[in-house]
C-alpha atoms as a PDB file:
ATOM      1  CA  MET A   1      -7.762   2.640 -15.932  1.00  0.00           C
ATOM      2  CA  ARG A   2      -5.287   5.526 -15.728  1.00  0.00           C
ATOM      3  CA  THR A   3      -5.367   7.880 -12.758  1.00  0.00           C
ATOM      4  CA  LEU A   4      -3.916  11.333 -12.169  1.00  0.00           C
ATOM      5  CA  LYS A   5      -1.143   9.685 -10.143  1.00  0.00           C
ATOM      6  CA  ASP A   6       0.160   8.043 -13.364  1.00  0.00           C
ATOM      7  CA  VAL A   7       0.391  11.269 -15.389  1.00  0.00           C
ATOM      8  CA  LYS A   8       3.861  12.688 -16.095  1.00  0.00           C
ATOM      9  CA  PRO A   9       4.827  16.391 -15.861  1.00  0.00           C
ATOM     10  CA  GLY A  10       3.985  18.289 -19.036  1.00  0.00           C
ATOM     11  CA  GLU A  11       0.964  16.140 -19.905  1.00  0.00           C
ATOM     12  CA  THR A  12      -2.583  17.451 -20.079  1.00  0.00           C
ATOM     13  CA  VAL A  13      -5.424  15.025 -19.393  1.00  0.00           C
ATOM     14  CA  THR A  14      -9.221  15.054 -19.139  1.00  0.00           C
ATOM     15  CA  VAL A  15     -11.117  13.950 -16.038  1.00  0.00           C
ATOM     16  CA  ILE A  16     -13.319  10.910 -16.691  1.00  0.00           C
ATOM     17  CA  ASP A  17     -14.534  10.133 -13.181  1.00  0.00           C
ATOM     18  CA  ILE A  18     -13.899  10.797  -9.509  1.00  0.00           C
ATOM     19  CA  LYS A  19     -13.952   7.702  -7.339  1.00  0.00           C
ATOM     20  CA  GLY A  20     -14.802   7.649  -3.680  1.00  0.00           C
ATOM     21  CA  GLY A  21     -17.451   9.729  -2.100  1.00  0.00           C
ATOM     22  CA  GLY A  22     -18.354  11.984   0.716  1.00  0.00           C
ATOM     23  CA  MET A  23     -16.203  14.933   1.645  1.00  0.00           C
ATOM     24  CA  VAL A  24     -13.221  14.081  -0.564  1.00  0.00           C
ATOM     25  CA  LYS A  25     -15.278  13.982  -3.758  1.00  0.00           C
ATOM     26  CA  SER A  26     -17.155  17.141  -2.753  1.00  0.00           C
ATOM     27  CA  ARG A  27     -13.904  18.972  -2.018  1.00  0.00           C
ATOM     28  CA  LEU A  28     -12.367  17.972  -5.366  1.00  0.00           C
ATOM     29  CA  MET A  29     -15.484  19.054  -7.238  1.00  0.00           C
ATOM     30  CA  ALA A  30     -15.549  22.387  -5.380  1.00  0.00           C
ATOM     31  CA  MET A  31     -11.981  22.997  -6.602  1.00  0.00           C
ATOM     32  CA  GLY A  32     -13.085  22.523 -10.224  1.00  0.00           C
ATOM     33  CA  VAL A  33     -12.098  18.886 -10.706  1.00  0.00           C
ATOM     34  CA  ILE A  34     -15.227  17.661 -12.470  1.00  0.00           C
ATOM     35  CA  LYS A  35     -15.901  15.297 -15.375  1.00  0.00           C
ATOM     36  CA  GLY A  36     -14.616  16.784 -18.620  1.00  0.00           C
ATOM     37  CA  SER A  37     -12.259  19.328 -17.060  1.00  0.00           C
ATOM     38  CA  LYS A  38      -8.663  19.508 -18.301  1.00  0.00           C
ATOM     39  CA  ILE A  39      -5.794  19.012 -15.854  1.00  0.00           C
ATOM     40  CA  ALA A  40      -2.215  19.947 -16.760  1.00  0.00           C
ATOM     41  CA  VAL A  41       0.429  18.323 -14.574  1.00  0.00           C
ATOM     42  CA  GLU A  42       3.101  20.931 -13.838  1.00  0.00           C
ATOM     43  CA  LYS A  43       5.441  19.190 -11.366  1.00  0.00           C
ATOM     44  CA  VAL A  44       5.740  15.998  -9.367  1.00  0.00           C
ATOM     45  CA  ALA A  45       7.862  15.903  -6.209  1.00  0.00           C
ATOM     46  CA  PRO A  46      10.842  13.496  -6.251  1.00  0.00           C
ATOM     47  CA  LEU A  47       8.996  10.888  -4.181  1.00  0.00           C
ATOM     48  CA  GLY A  48       5.756  11.478  -6.099  1.00  0.00           C
ATOM     49  CA  ASP A  49       3.961  13.399  -3.373  1.00  0.00           C
ATOM     50  CA  PRO A  50       2.611  16.076  -3.890  1.00  0.00           C
ATOM     51  CA  ILE A  51       1.577  16.520  -7.516  1.00  0.00           C
ATOM     52  CA  ASP A  52       1.287  20.153  -8.683  1.00  0.00           C
ATOM     53  CA  VAL A  53      -1.385  20.687 -11.358  1.00  0.00           C
ATOM     54  CA  ARG A  54      -3.202  23.479 -13.166  1.00  0.00           C
ATOM     55  CA  VAL A  55      -7.015  23.267 -13.366  1.00  0.00           C
ATOM     56  CA  ARG A  56      -9.192  25.982 -14.880  1.00  0.00           C
ATOM     57  CA  GLY A  57      -6.375  28.532 -14.710  1.00  0.00           C
ATOM     58  CA  TYR A  58      -5.229  28.049 -11.129  1.00  0.00           C
ATOM     59  CA  HIS A  59      -2.732  25.770  -9.384  1.00  0.00           C
ATOM     60  CA  LEU A  60      -3.547  22.921  -7.007  1.00  0.00           C
ATOM     61  CA  SER A  61      -1.456  20.315  -5.234  1.00  0.00           C
ATOM     62  CA  PHE A  62      -2.730  16.797  -4.676  1.00  0.00           C
ATOM     63  CA  ARG A  63      -1.449  13.997  -2.493  1.00  0.00           C
ATOM     64  CA  LYS A  64      -0.910  10.666  -4.229  1.00  0.00           C
ATOM     65  CA  SER A  65      -3.887   9.249  -2.343  1.00  0.00           C
ATOM     66  CA  GLU A  66      -6.121  12.001  -3.760  1.00  0.00           C
ATOM     67  CA  ALA A  67      -4.681  11.666  -7.279  1.00  0.00           C
ATOM     68  CA  GLU A  68      -5.540   7.940  -7.280  1.00  0.00           C
ATOM     69  CA  LEU A  69      -9.222   8.854  -6.975  1.00  0.00           C
ATOM     70  CA  ILE A  70      -9.238  10.855 -10.230  1.00  0.00           C
ATOM     71  CA  SER A  71      -9.618   8.745 -13.399  1.00  0.00           C
ATOM     72  CA  VAL A  72      -8.243  10.463 -16.503  1.00  0.00           C
ATOM     73  CA  SER A  73      -7.770   9.894 -20.225  1.00  0.00           C
END
């Protein structure tokens, strides 16, 4: 399964699922990362951490460890 960590800059993907639980999942969902939402990857740092994305019209940055929790298509 493909995760947000695997997405290249310029691609837009759809969230399928958020793995994990507890506070991390709640925090991601509070930021608008929910099933069916579109995520556009804007930039990826040279070493892959952080990943700058656009979700629902605003920008977020994710660590690689957080991006691995988000399954996309």
